[in-house]
Protein backbone atom coordinates (compact mmCIF):
# COMPACT_ATOMS: atom_id res chain seq x y z
CA MET A 1 0.00 0.00 0.00
CA ALA A 2 1.35 3.36 -1.00
CA SER A 3 2.22 5.66 1.83
CA MET A 4 0.26 8.86 2.18
CA LYS A 5 1.89 12.23 2.71
CA VAL A 6 0.50 14.28 5.53
CA PHE A 7 0.81 18.05 5.17
CA ASP A 8 0.71 20.32 8.19
CA ILE A 9 -1.92 23.03 7.93
CA VAL A 10 -0.16 26.35 8.25
CA PRO A 11 -2.25 28.83 10.26
CA LYS A 12 -3.25 31.96 8.39
CA THR A 13 -1.15 34.96 9.33
CA ALA A 14 -3.15 37.71 10.96
CA CYS A 15 -3.33 41.01 9.12
CA LYS A 16 -0.79 43.39 10.66
CA SER A 17 -1.41 47.12 10.76
CA ILE A 18 1.48 49.54 10.41
CA THR A 19 1.38 53.01 11.93
CA LEU A 20 2.62 56.15 10.23
CA ALA A 21 5.57 56.33 12.63
CA GLN A 22 6.68 52.84 11.61
CA LYS A 23 6.26 53.70 7.92
CA ILE A 24 8.50 56.78 8.33
CA GLU A 25 11.07 54.63 10.12
CA ILE A 26 10.96 52.05 7.30
CA LEU A 27 11.36 54.77 4.66
CA ASP A 28 14.38 56.21 6.49
CA LYS A 29 16.04 52.77 6.60
CA LEU A 30 15.40 52.29 2.90
CA ARG A 31 17.06 55.66 2.21
CA GLU A 32 20.10 54.52 4.22
CA GLY A 33 20.54 51.65 1.77
CA ASN A 34 18.96 48.75 3.64
CA SER A 35 17.31 46.18 1.39
CA ALA A 36 13.56 45.57 1.36
CA ALA A 37 14.10 41.90 2.25
CA LEU A 38 16.11 42.81 5.39
CA ILE A 39 13.47 45.30 6.55
CA ALA A 40 10.69 42.77 5.88
CA ARG A 41 12.41 40.25 8.18
CA GLN A 42 12.91 42.88 10.90
CA TYR A 43 9.25 43.94 10.93
CA SER A 44 7.80 40.49 10.20
CA PHE A 45 5.94 41.29 7.01
CA SER A 46 6.36 40.43 3.34
CA GLU A 47 8.88 42.05 1.03
CA LEU A 48 6.00 43.24 -1.14
CA THR A 49 4.73 45.39 1.75
CA ALA A 50 8.10 47.14 1.97
CA HIS A 51 8.01 47.92 -1.75
CA THR A 52 4.42 49.22 -1.44
CA ILE A 53 5.44 51.59 1.35
CA LYS A 54 8.36 52.77 -0.79
CA LYS A 55 5.99 53.57 -3.69
CA SER A 56 3.76 55.65 -1.37
CA GLU A 57 6.67 57.56 0.18
CA GLN A 58 5.62 60.99 -1.05
CA LYS A 59 2.04 60.60 0.12
CA ILE A 60 3.13 59.34 3.56
CA ARG A 61 5.60 62.17 4.15
CA ASP A 62 3.09 64.80 2.95
CA CYS A 63 0.57 63.40 5.41
CA VAL A 64 3.04 63.75 8.28
CA LYS A 65 3.87 67.34 7.23
CA THR A 66 0.19 68.29 7.64
CA THR A 67 0.51 67.45 11.38
CA THR A 68 -1.35 64.16 11.06
CA PRO A 69 -0.80 62.12 14.26
CA VAL A 70 1.87 59.50 13.58
CA SER A 71 -0.16 56.93 15.53
CA TRP A 72 -2.86 56.93 12.85
CA ARG A 73 -3.08 53.81 10.67
CA VAL A 74 -5.14 55.31 7.79
CA LEU A 75 -4.21 58.18 5.51
CA LEU A 76 -6.86 60.87 5.22
CA VAL A 77 -7.76 62.20 1.78
CA THR A 78 -8.26 65.95 1.73
CA ARG A 79 -11.57 66.73 0.05
CA ILE A 80 -12.10 69.77 -2.11
CA PRO A 81 -14.39 72.30 -0.36
CA LEU A 82 -16.10 73.02 -3.68
CA LEU A 83 -17.09 69.36 -4.01
CA ASP A 84 -18.46 69.30 -0.45
CA LYS A 85 -20.77 72.18 -1.29
CA VAL A 86 -21.90 70.49 -4.51
CA GLU A 87 -22.73 67.27 -2.64
CA LYS A 88 -24.80 69.13 -0.06
CA LEU A 89 -26.79 70.85 -2.80
CA LEU A 90 -27.19 67.54 -4.63
CA ASN A 91 -28.54 65.87 -1.49
CA LEU A 92 -31.10 68.68 -1.10
CA TRP A 93 -32.10 68.24 -4.74
CA ILE A 94 -32.63 64.50 -4.27
CA ASN A 95 -34.82 65.03 -1.21
CA GLU A 96 -36.83 67.68 -3.04
CA MET A 97 -37.35 65.54 -6.15
CA THR A 98 -38.21 62.26 -4.37
CA ASN A 99 -40.09 63.46 -1.28
CA THR A 100 -41.86 66.60 -2.54
CA LYS A 101 -42.16 66.08 -6.30
CA GLY A 102 -42.44 62.30 -6.25
CA ALA A 103 -40.07 62.11 -9.23
CA VAL A 104 -37.70 59.31 -10.22
CA VAL A 105 -33.98 59.97 -9.82
CA ASP A 106 -31.79 57.28 -11.36
CA GLY A 107 -28.06 57.16 -12.01
CA THR A 108 -28.25 59.05 -15.31
CA ALA A 109 -30.21 61.99 -13.89
CA PHE A 110 -28.02 61.81 -10.78
CA THR A 111 -24.72 62.33 -12.60
CA ALA A 112 -26.18 64.91 -15.01
CA LYS A 113 -27.40 67.07 -12.11
CA ALA A 114 -24.08 66.65 -10.26
CA LEU A 115 -22.13 67.93 -13.26
CA SER A 116 -24.57 70.83 -13.69
CA LEU A 117 -24.27 71.82 -10.02
CA TYR A 118 -20.47 71.56 -10.05
CA LYS A 119 -20.25 73.86 -13.07
CA HIS A 120 -22.68 76.33 -11.47
CA VAL A 121 -20.96 76.43 -8.06
CA ALA A 122 -17.48 76.72 -9.62
CA GLY A 123 -18.67 79.65 -11.74
CA SER A 124 -20.37 81.43 -8.82
CA GLU A 125 -17.22 81.18 -6.68
CA GLY A 126 -14.94 82.37 -9.48
CA GLU A 127 -13.17 79.05 -9.92
CA SER A 128 -12.58 77.21 -13.15
CA SER A 129 -14.03 73.73 -13.43
CA ASP A 130 -10.84 72.74 -15.28
CA THR A 131 -8.66 73.42 -12.23
CA ASN A 132 -10.16 70.51 -10.28
CA PRO A 133 -11.95 68.46 -12.96
CA PHE A 134 -15.01 66.55 -11.76
CA THR A 135 -16.45 63.70 -13.88
CA ALA A 136 -19.13 62.25 -11.56
CA SER A 137 -17.57 58.80 -11.89
CA ARG A 138 -19.08 55.58 -10.62
CA GLY A 139 -16.64 55.53 -7.71
CA TRP A 140 -17.72 59.01 -6.62
CA LEU A 141 -21.38 58.03 -6.99
CA TYR A 142 -20.88 54.94 -4.81
CA ARG A 143 -19.11 56.95 -2.08
CA PHE A 144 -21.72 59.73 -2.23
CA VAL A 145 -24.51 57.19 -1.71
CA GLN A 146 -22.67 55.81 1.32
CA ARG A 147 -21.94 59.24 2.80
CA TYR A 148 -25.52 60.47 2.58
CA ASN A 149 -27.13 57.15 3.51
CA LEU A 150 -29.03 56.66 0.26
CA GLN A 151 -30.25 53.49 -1.37
CA ASN A 152 -31.27 52.47 -4.87
CA VAL A 153 -34.64 50.71 -5.07
CA LYS A 154 -36.41 49.14 -8.03
CA LEU A 155 -39.86 50.49 -8.83
CA GLN A 156 -41.11 47.64 -10.97
CA SER A 157 -39.89 44.45 -12.53
CA LYS A 158 -40.78 42.09 -15.35
CA ALA A 159 -40.11 38.38 -15.70
CA GLY A 160 -40.16 36.15 -18.78
CA SER A 161 -39.52 32.59 -19.86
CA ALA A 162 -37.84 31.09 -22.89
CA ASP A 163 -37.85 27.71 -24.63
CA VAL A 164 -34.19 26.71 -24.36
CA ASP A 165 -34.59 23.39 -26.21
CA SER A 166 -36.24 24.97 -29.26
CA ALA A 167 -33.56 27.65 -29.36
CA SER A 168 -30.72 25.12 -29.26
CA ASN A 169 -32.32 23.09 -32.07
CA PHE A 170 -32.91 26.14 -34.27
CA LYS A 171 -29.27 27.26 -34.40
CA PRO A 172 -27.92 24.28 -36.40
CA GLU A 173 -30.98 24.41 -38.68
CA LEU A 174 -30.33 28.06 -39.51
CA LEU A 175 -26.62 27.46 -40.15
CA GLU A 176 -27.39 24.49 -42.39
CA PHE A 177 -29.95 26.52 -44.38
CA ILE A 178 -27.47 29.37 -44.89
CA LYS A 179 -24.78 26.92 -46.03
CA ASP A 180 -27.08 25.09 -48.45
CA LYS A 181 -28.36 28.30 -50.08
CA GLY A 182 -24.88 29.86 -50.20
CA TYR A 183 -25.73 33.09 -48.35
CA GLU A 184 -22.93 35.48 -47.42
CA PRO A 185 -23.10 37.37 -44.08
CA VAL A 186 -23.95 40.57 -45.97
CA GLN A 187 -27.02 38.80 -47.39
CA VAL A 188 -28.44 37.59 -44.07
CA PHE A 189 -30.72 40.15 -42.39
CA ASN A 190 -32.47 40.27 -39.06
CA CYS A 191 -35.22 42.67 -37.97
CA ASP A 192 -37.15 43.23 -34.77
CA GLU A 193 -39.56 45.83 -33.46
CA THR A 194 -39.79 47.48 -30.06
CA GLY A 195 -42.16 49.81 -28.30
CA LEU A 196 -40.72 53.13 -27.19
CA PHE A 197 -42.45 55.03 -24.38
CA TYR A 198 -40.76 58.24 -25.36
CA LYS A 199 -41.96 60.18 -22.28
CA LYS A 200 -41.36 57.44 -19.75
CA MET A 201 -38.91 58.06 -16.90
CA GLY A 202 -36.67 55.53 -15.14
CA ASN A 203 -37.89 52.72 -12.89
CA ARG A 204 -35.30 53.21 -10.12
CA THR A 205 -34.73 56.13 -7.76
CA TYR A 206 -32.46 57.11 -4.88
CA LEU A 207 -33.89 57.71 -1.39
CA THR A 208 -32.72 57.69 2.18
CA LYS A 209 -32.32 54.28 3.80
CA GLU A 210 -35.07 55.13 6.27
CA GLN A 211 -37.51 55.00 3.33
CA SER A 212 -37.91 51.39 2.28
CA VAL A 213 -40.47 51.99 -0.47
CA ALA A 214 -40.70 54.74 -3.11
CA SER A 215 -44.02 56.44 -3.64
CA GLY A 216 -45.60 55.59 -6.99
CA PHE A 217 -46.76 57.89 -9.76
CA LYS A 218 -48.72 57.60 -12.97
CA ALA A 219 -46.32 57.23 -15.87
CA PHE A 220 -46.92 58.60 -19.34
CA LYS A 221 -48.31 55.99 -21.75
CA ASP A 222 -47.35 57.81 -24.94
CA ARG A 223 -45.91 55.08 -27.14
CA LEU A 224 -44.66 54.51 -30.65
CA THR A 225 -43.22 51.41 -32.33
CA LEU A 226 -39.86 51.18 -34.08
CA LEU A 227 -38.57 48.44 -36.39
CA PHE A 228 -34.80 47.89 -36.62
CA CYS A 229 -33.17 45.90 -39.42
CA ALA A 230 -29.51 45.18 -40.23
CA ASN A 231 -27.38 42.47 -41.82
CA ALA A 232 -25.15 39.90 -40.12
CA SER A 233 -21.90 41.53 -41.25
CA GLY A 234 -22.92 44.81 -39.56
CA ASP A 235 -22.12 47.07 -42.51
CA PHE A 236 -25.72 47.93 -43.48
CA LYS A 237 -28.79 49.09 -41.62
CA CYS A 238 -32.19 49.84 -43.11
CA LYS A 239 -34.11 53.04 -42.53
CA LEU A 240 -36.11 52.78 -39.29
CA LEU A 241 -39.79 52.00 -39.54
CA LEU A 242 -41.81 54.21 -37.15
CA VAL A 243 -45.48 53.57 -36.39
CA TYR A 244 -47.38 56.28 -34.49
CA ARG A 245 -51.02 56.70 -33.47
CA ALA A 246 -51.66 59.91 -35.43
CA LYS A 247 -51.22 60.20 -39.16
CA ASN A 248 -50.51 63.95 -39.01
CA PRO A 249 -49.40 64.95 -35.48
CA CYS A 250 -49.21 68.63 -34.59
CA ALA A 251 -45.41 68.64 -34.62
CA LEU A 252 -45.35 67.48 -38.26
CA LYS A 253 -48.10 69.64 -39.74
CA GLY A 254 -47.04 70.93 -43.14
CA LYS A 255 -44.00 68.61 -43.23
CA ASN A 256 -43.23 66.13 -45.97
CA LYS A 257 -42.95 62.76 -44.20
CA LYS A 258 -40.96 61.30 -47.08
CA CYS A 259 -38.10 63.59 -46.07
CA LEU A 260 -37.98 62.18 -42.53
CA PRO A 261 -35.07 59.87 -41.57
CA VAL A 262 -37.65 57.13 -40.82
CA ALA A 263 -40.34 55.31 -42.78
CA TRP A 264 -43.52 56.85 -41.31
CA HIS A 265 -46.68 54.77 -40.78
CA SER A 266 -49.66 55.15 -38.47
CA ASN A 267 -52.61 53.31 -36.99
CA LYS A 268 -54.80 53.80 -33.93
CA LYS A 269 -52.75 51.54 -31.64
CA ALA A 270 -49.30 52.29 -33.08
CA TRP A 271 -48.75 48.60 -33.81
CA ILE A 272 -46.94 46.91 -36.67
CA THR A 273 -49.71 45.03 -38.47
CA TYR A 274 -49.16 42.69 -41.42
CA VAL A 275 -50.29 45.49 -43.77
CA VAL A 276 -47.70 47.92 -42.37
CA PHE A 277 -44.97 45.27 -42.35
CA GLU A 278 -45.69 44.18 -45.93
CA ASP A 279 -45.62 47.79 -47.12
CA TRP A 280 -42.25 48.37 -45.39
CA LEU A 281 -40.85 45.15 -46.84
CA GLN A 282 -41.86 46.02 -50.38
CA ASN A 283 -41.22 49.78 -50.46
CA SER A 284 -38.29 50.18 -48.04
CA PHE A 285 -36.43 46.95 -47.36
CA VAL A 286 -36.25 45.53 -50.89
CA PRO A 287 -35.17 48.77 -52.69
CA GLU A 288 -32.56 49.66 -50.05
CA VAL A 289 -31.05 46.16 -49.96
CA LYS A 290 -30.97 45.91 -53.77
CA GLU A 291 -29.02 49.15 -53.97
CA PHE A 292 -26.63 48.04 -51.21
CA LEU A 293 -25.89 44.63 -52.77
CA ALA A 294 -25.43 46.19 -56.21
CA LYS A 295 -22.63 48.36 -54.80
CA LYS A 296 -21.05 45.19 -53.39
CA ASN A 297 -21.34 43.46 -56.81
CA LEU A 298 -23.50 40.75 -55.23
CA SER A 299 -26.69 39.22 -56.56
CA PHE A 300 -29.96 40.08 -54.86
CA MET A 301 -30.46 36.93 -52.79
CA VAL A 302 -31.50 37.67 -49.23
CA LEU A 303 -32.45 35.76 -46.09
CA LEU A 304 -34.61 37.67 -43.57
CA VAL A 305 -34.91 36.24 -40.03
CA LEU A 306 -38.03 37.37 -38.12
CA ASP A 307 -39.97 36.79 -34.92
CA ASN A 308 -43.16 34.78 -35.29
CA VAL A 309 -45.42 37.64 -34.17
CA PRO A 310 -48.84 38.12 -35.83
CA GLY A 311 -47.66 41.24 -37.67
CA HIS A 312 -45.04 39.18 -39.51
CA MET A 313 -47.05 36.00 -40.17
CA SER A 314 -48.48 36.83 -43.55
CA GLU A 315 -48.84 34.29 -46.36
CA SER A 316 -48.15 37.00 -48.94
CA LEU A 317 -44.62 37.72 -47.66
CA SER A 318 -43.15 35.03 -49.89
CA PHE A 319 -44.75 36.67 -52.95
CA VAL A 320 -43.36 40.17 -52.33
CA GLU A 321 -40.02 39.26 -53.85
CA PRO A 322 -39.07 35.70 -54.93
CA ASP A 323 -35.40 36.27 -54.04
CA VAL A 324 -36.24 37.13 -50.41
CA SER A 325 -36.39 34.04 -48.17
CA VAL A 326 -38.13 34.50 -44.81
CA MET A 327 -37.35 32.35 -41.76
CA PHE A 328 -39.24 32.68 -38.47
CA LEU A 329 -37.77 32.11 -35.01
CA PRO A 330 -39.41 29.39 -32.90
CA PRO A 331 -42.00 30.56 -30.34
CA ASN A 332 -40.71 31.83 -26.95
CA THR A 333 -37.08 32.04 -28.09
CA THR A 334 -36.75 35.77 -28.73
CA SER A 335 -34.78 36.46 -25.54
CA ILE A 336 -32.20 33.82 -26.60
CA LEU A 337 -32.02 34.02 -30.39
CA GLN A 338 -33.04 37.59 -31.22
CA SER A 339 -29.73 39.44 -31.43
CA MET A 340 -31.40 42.80 -32.04
CA ASP A 341 -32.78 43.01 -28.48
CA PRO A 342 -29.57 42.87 -26.38
CA GLY A 343 -27.50 44.63 -29.03
CA VAL A 344 -28.99 47.32 -31.24
CA ILE A 345 -32.27 48.01 -29.43
CA LYS A 346 -30.73 48.13 -25.96
CA THR A 347 -28.00 50.50 -27.14
CA PHE A 348 -30.52 52.73 -28.89
CA LYS A 349 -32.73 53.02 -25.81
CA SER A 350 -29.71 53.73 -23.60
CA TYR A 351 -28.61 56.63 -25.81
CA TYR A 352 -32.19 57.88 -26.09
CA THR A 353 -32.68 57.85 -22.30
CA LYS A 354 -29.36 59.61 -21.76
CA ARG A 355 -30.24 62.42 -24.18
CA LEU A 356 -33.75 62.66 -22.72
CA TYR A 357 -32.42 63.18 -19.19
CA ARG A 358 -29.88 65.68 -20.45
CA GLN A 359 -32.69 67.76 -21.93
CA ILE A 360 -34.77 67.45 -18.74
CA VAL A 361 -31.92 68.60 -16.51
CA ASN A 362 -30.43 71.34 -18.71
CA ASP A 363 -32.96 72.35 -21.39
CA PHE A 364 -36.33 72.03 -19.65
CA ARG A 365 -38.61 74.91 -20.71
CA GLY A 366 -41.68 74.16 -18.59
CA PHE A 367 -45.14 72.70 -19.19
CA PRO A 368 -47.99 74.08 -21.32
CA THR A 369 -49.86 77.02 -19.86
CA ILE A 370 -52.98 76.59 -17.72
CA ASP A 371 -54.43 80.08 -18.11
CA ASN A 372 -58.06 78.91 -18.31
CA GLU A 373 -57.79 76.80 -15.17
CA VAL A 374 -56.13 79.66 -13.25
CA THR A 375 -58.95 82.04 -14.27
CA ASP A 376 -61.55 79.57 -12.99
CA ILE A 377 -59.70 79.21 -9.67
CA VAL A 378 -59.54 82.98 -9.14
CA ARG A 379 -63.21 83.43 -10.08
CA LEU A 380 -64.27 80.70 -7.63
CA ALA A 381 -62.09 82.15 -4.85
CA LYS A 382 -63.64 85.62 -5.26
CA TRP A 383 -67.12 84.11 -5.28
CA LEU A 384 -66.40 82.33 -1.98
CA GLY A 385 -65.07 85.55 -0.47
CA GLY A 386 -63.44 85.79 2.93
CA GLU A 387 -59.98 86.80 4.04
CA GLY A 388 -57.34 85.89 1.46
CA PHE A 389 -59.91 85.01 -1.22
CA GLU A 390 -61.47 88.33 -2.17
CA ASP A 391 -58.20 89.88 -3.38
CA SER A 392 -56.93 86.77 -5.21
CA GLU A 393 -55.08 87.40 -8.46
CA ASP A 394 -53.97 85.21 -11.33
CA VAL A 395 -50.29 85.90 -10.68
CA GLU A 396 -50.51 84.56 -7.10
CA VAL A 397 -52.14 81.32 -8.22
CA VAL A 398 -49.57 80.79 -10.98
CA LYS A 399 -46.70 81.37 -8.56
CA LEU A 400 -48.18 78.89 -6.10
CA ILE A 401 -48.58 76.20 -8.78
CA ASP A 402 -45.13 76.83 -10.22
CA SER A 403 -43.52 76.54 -6.79
CA HIS A 404 -44.82 72.97 -6.50
CA GLN A 405 -44.25 71.65 -10.01
CA GLN A 406 -40.94 73.20 -11.08
CA GLU A 407 -37.59 71.72 -10.17
CA LEU A 408 -35.44 73.77 -7.82
CA THR A 409 -32.77 75.74 -9.67
CA ASN A 410 -29.11 75.71 -8.61
CA GLU A 411 -29.52 79.18 -7.04
CA GLU A 412 -32.57 78.04 -5.04
CA LEU A 413 -30.67 75.00 -3.80
CA GLU A 414 -27.87 77.29 -2.57
CA HIS A 415 -30.39 79.54 -0.82
CA LEU A 416 -32.09 76.53 0.77
CA ALA A 417 -28.76 75.16 2.01
CA ALA A 418 -27.81 78.56 3.47
CA SER A 419 -31.15 78.97 5.23
CA SER A 420 -30.94 75.48 6.73
CA ASN A 421 -27.44 76.22 8.06
CA ASP A 422 -28.64 79.49 9.60
CA SER A 423 -31.52 77.77 11.35
CA GLU A 424 -29.19 75.12 12.77
CA GLU A 425 -26.81 77.76 14.14
CA GLU A 426 -29.54 79.79 15.75
CA GLY A 427 -31.27 76.74 17.20
CA GLU A 428 -34.50 78.62 17.58
CA THR A 429 -37.84 77.41 16.30
CA GLU A 430 -41.02 79.37 16.01
CA SER A 431 -44.33 77.76 16.72
CA ALA A 432 -46.46 77.75 13.58
CA LYS A 433 -49.94 79.12 13.82
CA PRO A 434 -52.71 76.68 13.00
CA ALA A 435 -53.75 76.96 9.38
CA PHE A 436 -57.43 76.40 10.25
CA THR A 437 -59.58 77.05 13.27
CA ALA A 438 -62.96 75.53 14.12
CA LYS A 439 -64.68 78.77 13.14
CA SER A 440 -62.93 79.06 9.76
CA ILE A 441 -63.65 75.42 8.92
CA ARG A 442 -67.33 75.87 9.77
CA GLU A 443 -67.57 78.97 7.56
CA PHE A 444 -65.82 77.18 4.71
CA LEU A 445 -68.17 74.18 4.90
CA CYS A 446 -71.23 76.45 4.84
CA LYS A 447 -69.95 78.23 1.72
CA ALA A 448 -69.15 74.90 0.07
CA GLN A 449 -72.71 73.68 0.75
CA ASN A 450 -74.17 76.86 -0.74
CA LEU A 451 -71.95 76.45 -3.81
CA SER A 452 -73.05 72.85 -4.35
CA GLU A 453 -76.72 73.84 -4.09
CA GLU A 454 -76.26 76.55 -6.74
CA ILE A 455 -74.52 74.14 -9.09
CA VAL A 456 -77.33 71.59 -8.72
């Protein structure tokens, strides 16, 4: 019987902490010419640790020069005062947007607002943003979330299932079909559609850790459908197909839709029906691909891979062009086989969302006017009468509404931060007077009853 070797289990060495005083002593010995191996044996640590201390010599000595206690085991990083002020304003903005406005603040809006505030504060204090460049990196975002006790919560989620077996069987079938027909990668095309909620905001937001759930809001349902199409070699993409609810929306009145960078179609539900898809295939896809292949000196012989959705399942597709072969993906395999979803469509929506948030943060011009509603409010207030109602004016109502719906500007955030600091220093609080008394409530209810009787 073969003998077995028994190995002794070496206990794990405990992590040893080195003070600043010891690091200075080690650096002095290294300057005197002592080797890193000799110093490592003297202090009972690895040679790599000695080399690491040597690389950080300038930082360690600078830290000692700033009167840092030599007994400290961690180097402190001096933060820029300008960045501290920006972070305080950013924290106020987050609380205002999530608690008061009920808005969604995700990472994209977060970093865009941080860069905007940094540029504003640097300009107001006469400093150049190029002196201490700030990029709102992921590392800064992570540390900011930790410093201000924030958390990122998901507002909603969606789950799906896929037929893995059908997907695995389809791949060799597709490759065999391409090989038998002699298709080149430039002749193999794939298309897929997606719905775009072009006014929809993000589904995650930052809040304080004391708040476990984010308050909900009614999202915009404005939707359009886009169809993306490209070849396997990646050197050709068809003009986008766009399907909208209105045939002539207000923004395009008097415009020639043939000059748009998309193929424009419309129906009541903004869906791609078989009529819309067949029209796009015959009037957009076929002419564009013919022109592309002619420039490549290739014959017009095309394979188009599609999802098996009702809008694509038309018996007449094979008669549109005899040289266009259509192959449908198996049911419930889109998430595995459809390369457009994780590639082109995901990238498009990421860029679209980024540009949308940039416009919201920097180029927001306000909502449509509500002049008629304001006039009705003022007229009703004067009819009710009483203190504060009889002298109501349109300007006061508009200011009150604007104060609740508009995002705080950078100047207002600075003013809010200054006022909060002043109140903390004074430490004095004034007792607020009750907004309503029993008498005022009774008078208001009587007037409301009289108003309802007149309306009836």
